[in-house]
Amino acid sequence: MNKIKFAALIALALSVSACGSKAANSSSDGGVNKAVSELVSSSHKSEYTAESVTGFMKSCVASGGNAKSCGCLIDKIEEKVSFKEFVEADTRARTGGSPGDTLVNAMTEAKLACQ
């Protein structure tokens, strides 16, 4: 999990930009598609789009995480950060700014909870 500490934060910055990307639908995904299906199932109510979750998962796994730990991270982040805040943090991070305390704190708490 330490391996993805900062990589997961970077994954957040990449996740929204991956929305609608055909690359997010590849079949060689290290279990990401299955994990995403479970996360966005009808029993999992979330304002996060399937595309944003898929983007996060793929970026997180590519950064050294596994589908289970990355799924835990995004699930915990969703509990603390609204999708609007998530998109705003992504925009700030992609333009060279800080994602903001709300997201950084949520990531820190998620990392601890998912160990």
C-alpha atoms as a PDB file:
ATOM      1  CA  MET A   1       0.000   0.000   0.000  1.00  0.00           C
ATOM      2  CA  ASN A   2       2.895   2.401   0.699  1.00  0.00           C
ATOM      3  CA  LYS A   3       3.883   1.905  -2.921  1.00  0.00           C
ATOM      4  CA  ILE A   4       0.718   3.656  -4.073  1.00  0.00           C
ATOM      5  CA  LYS A   5       0.616   6.450  -1.496  1.00  0.00           C
ATOM      6  CA  PHE A   6       1.338   9.280  -3.911  1.00  0.00           C
ATOM      7  CA  ALA A   7       0.587   7.280  -7.044  1.00  0.00           C
ATOM      8  CA  ALA A   8      -3.045   7.006  -5.980  1.00  0.00           C
ATOM      9  CA  LEU A   9      -3.254  10.772  -5.610  1.00  0.00           C
ATOM     10  CA  ILE A  10      -1.870  11.082  -9.114  1.00  0.00           C
ATOM     11  CA  ALA A  11      -4.466   8.533 -10.198  1.00  0.00           C
ATOM     12  CA  LEU A  12      -7.146  10.881  -8.946  1.00  0.00           C
ATOM     13  CA  ALA A  13      -5.785  13.606 -11.153  1.00  0.00           C
ATOM     14  CA  LEU A  14      -5.863  11.248 -14.124  1.00  0.00           C
ATOM     15  CA  SER A  15      -9.201   9.586 -13.462  1.00  0.00           C
ATOM     16  CA  VAL A  16     -11.611  12.250 -14.653  1.00  0.00           C
ATOM     17  CA  SER A  17      -9.508  12.948 -17.720  1.00  0.00           C
ATOM     18  CA  ALA A  18      -9.883   9.267 -18.612  1.00  0.00           C
ATOM     19  CA  CYS A  19     -13.666   9.628 -18.890  1.00  0.00           C
ATOM     20  CA  GLY A  20     -14.887   8.322 -22.189  1.00  0.00           C
ATOM     21  CA  SER A  21     -11.454   7.032 -23.138  1.00  0.00           C
ATOM     22  CA  LYS A  22     -11.454   3.842 -25.182  1.00  0.00           C
ATOM     23  CA  ALA A  23      -8.307   2.849 -23.309  1.00  0.00           C
ATOM     24  CA  ALA A  24     -10.382   2.625 -20.144  1.00  0.00           C
ATOM     25  CA  ASN A  25     -12.243  -0.291 -21.707  1.00  0.00           C
ATOM     26  CA  SER A  26      -9.312  -2.613 -22.526  1.00  0.00           C
ATOM     27  CA  SER A  27      -9.685  -6.275 -21.620  1.00  0.00           C
ATOM     28  CA  SER A  28      -6.200  -6.701 -20.106  1.00  0.00           C
ATOM     29  CA  ASP A  29      -6.884  -4.871 -16.887  1.00  0.00           C
ATOM     30  CA  GLY A  30      -5.574  -6.792 -13.904  1.00  0.00           C
ATOM     31  CA  GLY A  31      -9.082  -7.318 -12.480  1.00  0.00           C
ATOM     32  CA  VAL A  32     -10.070  -3.681 -12.813  1.00  0.00           C
ATOM     33  CA  ASN A  33     -13.215  -4.287 -14.874  1.00  0.00           C
ATOM     34  CA  LYS A  34     -14.532  -6.800 -12.339  1.00  0.00           C
ATOM     35  CA  ALA A  35     -13.775  -4.448  -9.451  1.00  0.00           C
ATOM     36  CA  VAL A  36     -15.416  -1.537 -11.254  1.00  0.00           C
ATOM     37  CA  SER A  37     -18.492  -3.647 -11.977  1.00  0.00           C
ATOM     38  CA  GLU A  38     -18.782  -4.413  -8.276  1.00  0.00           C
ATOM     39  CA  LEU A  39     -18.270  -0.776  -7.302  1.00  0.00           C
ATOM     40  CA  VAL A  40     -20.874   0.597  -9.683  1.00  0.00           C
ATOM     41  CA  SER A  41     -23.410  -2.197  -9.243  1.00  0.00           C
ATOM     42  CA  SER A  42     -27.009  -1.273  -8.541  1.00  0.00           C
ATOM     43  CA  SER A  43     -26.451  -1.927  -4.830  1.00  0.00           C
ATOM     44  CA  HIS A  44     -23.632   0.640  -4.758  1.00  0.00           C
ATOM     45  CA  LYS A  45     -25.194   4.068  -4.884  1.00  0.00           C
ATOM     46  CA  SER A  46     -22.726   6.734  -5.943  1.00  0.00           C
ATOM     47  CA  GLU A  47     -22.713  10.038  -7.751  1.00  0.00           C
ATOM     48  CA  TYR A  48     -19.316   9.120  -9.243  1.00  0.00           C
ATOM     49  CA  THR A  49     -19.604   8.063 -12.866  1.00  0.00           C
ATOM     50  CA  ALA A  50     -18.546   4.606 -14.005  1.00  0.00           C
ATOM     51  CA  GLU A  51     -16.009   6.304 -16.278  1.00  0.00           C
ATOM     52  CA  SER A  52     -14.409   8.216 -13.402  1.00  0.00           C
ATOM     53  CA  VAL A  53     -14.217   5.072 -11.253  1.00  0.00           C
ATOM     54  CA  THR A  54     -12.746   3.121 -14.178  1.00  0.00           C
ATOM     55  CA  GLY A  55     -10.197   5.855 -14.819  1.00  0.00           C
ATOM     56  CA  PHE A  56      -9.191   5.932 -11.156  1.00  0.00           C
ATOM     57  CA  MET A  57      -8.922   2.137 -10.971  1.00  0.00           C
ATOM     58  CA  LYS A  58      -6.828   1.821 -14.112  1.00  0.00           C
ATOM     59  CA  SER A  59      -4.487   4.615 -13.044  1.00  0.00           C
ATOM     60  CA  CYS A  60      -4.183   3.221  -9.527  1.00  0.00           C
ATOM     61  CA  VAL A  61      -3.416  -0.321 -10.753  1.00  0.00           C
ATOM     62  CA  ALA A  62      -0.935   1.045 -13.301  1.00  0.00           C
ATOM     63  CA  SER A  63       0.757   2.879 -10.412  1.00  0.00           C
ATOM     64  CA  GLY A  64       1.360  -0.344  -8.492  1.00  0.00           C
ATOM     65  CA  GLY A  65      -1.875  -0.996  -6.637  1.00  0.00           C
ATOM     66  CA  ASN A  66      -4.086  -4.023  -7.011  1.00  0.00           C
ATOM     67  CA  ALA A  67      -7.776  -4.042  -7.875  1.00  0.00           C
ATOM     68  CA  LYS A  68      -8.812  -4.761  -4.287  1.00  0.00           C
ATOM     69  CA  SER A  69      -6.774  -1.973  -2.668  1.00  0.00           C
ATOM     70  CA  CYS A  70      -7.616   0.522  -5.420  1.00  0.00           C
ATOM     71  CA  GLY A  71     -11.311  -0.354  -5.130  1.00  0.00           C
ATOM     72  CA  CYS A  72     -11.121   0.229  -1.395  1.00  0.00           C
ATOM     73  CA  LEU A  73      -9.439   3.601  -1.941  1.00  0.00           C
ATOM     74  CA  ILE A  74     -12.054   4.942  -4.341  1.00  0.00           C
ATOM     75  CA  ASP A  75     -14.868   3.592  -2.180  1.00  0.00           C
ATOM     76  CA  LYS A  76     -13.510   5.429   0.877  1.00  0.00           C
ATOM     77  CA  ILE A  77     -12.863   8.599  -1.126  1.00  0.00           C
ATOM     78  CA  GLU A  78     -16.455   8.552  -2.373  1.00  0.00           C
ATOM     79  CA  GLU A  79     -17.643   8.539   1.243  1.00  0.00           C
ATOM     80  CA  LYS A  80     -15.804  11.792   1.995  1.00  0.00           C
ATOM     81  CA  VAL A  81     -15.558  13.726  -1.281  1.00  0.00           C
ATOM     82  CA  SER A  82     -18.512  14.646  -3.489  1.00  0.00           C
ATOM     83  CA  PHE A  83     -18.131  14.055  -7.200  1.00  0.00           C
ATOM     84  CA  LYS A  84     -18.210  17.819  -7.738  1.00  0.00           C
ATOM     85  CA  GLU A  85     -15.291  18.260  -5.290  1.00  0.00           C
ATOM     86  CA  PHE A  86     -13.495  15.347  -6.957  1.00  0.00           C
ATOM     87  CA  VAL A  87     -13.804  16.962 -10.407  1.00  0.00           C
ATOM     88  CA  GLU A  88     -12.690  20.341  -9.032  1.00  0.00           C
ATOM     89  CA  ALA A  89      -9.655  18.731  -7.356  1.00  0.00           C
ATOM     90  CA  ASP A  90      -8.829  16.921 -10.599  1.00  0.00           C
ATOM     91  CA  THR A  91      -8.996  20.181 -12.528  1.00  0.00           C
ATOM     92  CA  ARG A  92      -6.701  21.928 -10.044  1.00  0.00           C
ATOM     93  CA  ALA A  93      -4.216  19.037 -10.079  1.00  0.00           C
ATOM     94  CA  ARG A  94      -4.153  18.847 -13.894  1.00  0.00           C
ATOM     95  CA  THR A  95      -3.389  22.558 -14.107  1.00  0.00           C
ATOM     96  CA  GLY A  96      -0.455  22.309 -11.725  1.00  0.00           C
ATOM     97  CA  GLY A  97      -2.266  23.297  -8.540  1.00  0.00           C
ATOM     98  CA  SER A  98      -2.935  21.443  -5.342  1.00  0.00           C
ATOM     99  CA  PRO A  99      -5.918  19.094  -5.333  1.00  0.00           C
ATOM    100  CA  GLY A 100      -6.913  20.691  -2.028  1.00  0.00           C
ATOM    101  CA  ASP A 101      -7.155  19.641   1.588  1.00  0.00           C
ATOM    102  CA  THR A 102     -10.488  17.845   1.258  1.00  0.00           C
ATOM    103  CA  LEU A 103      -9.129  15.368  -1.265  1.00  0.00           C
ATOM    104  CA  VAL A 104      -5.706  15.037   0.337  1.00  0.00           C
ATOM    105  CA  ASN A 105      -7.298  14.321   3.724  1.00  0.00           C
ATOM    106  CA  ALA A 106      -9.729  11.824   2.182  1.00  0.00           C
ATOM    107  CA  MET A 107      -6.821  10.062   0.444  1.00  0.00           C
ATOM    108  CA  THR A 108      -4.862   9.881   3.684  1.00  0.00           C
ATOM    109  CA  GLU A 109      -7.838   8.446   5.574  1.00  0.00           C
ATOM    110  CA  ALA A 110      -8.597   6.026   2.725  1.00  0.00           C
ATOM    111  CA  LYS A 111      -5.021   4.801   2.646  1.00  0.00           C
ATOM    112  CA  LEU A 112      -5.104   4.070   6.362  1.00  0.00           C
ATOM    113  CA  ALA A 113      -8.503   2.375   6.184  1.00  0.00           C
ATOM    114  CA  CYS A 114      -7.519   0.201   3.218  1.00  0.00           C
ATOM    115  CA  GLN A 115      -4.287  -1.223   4.639  1.00  0.00           C
END
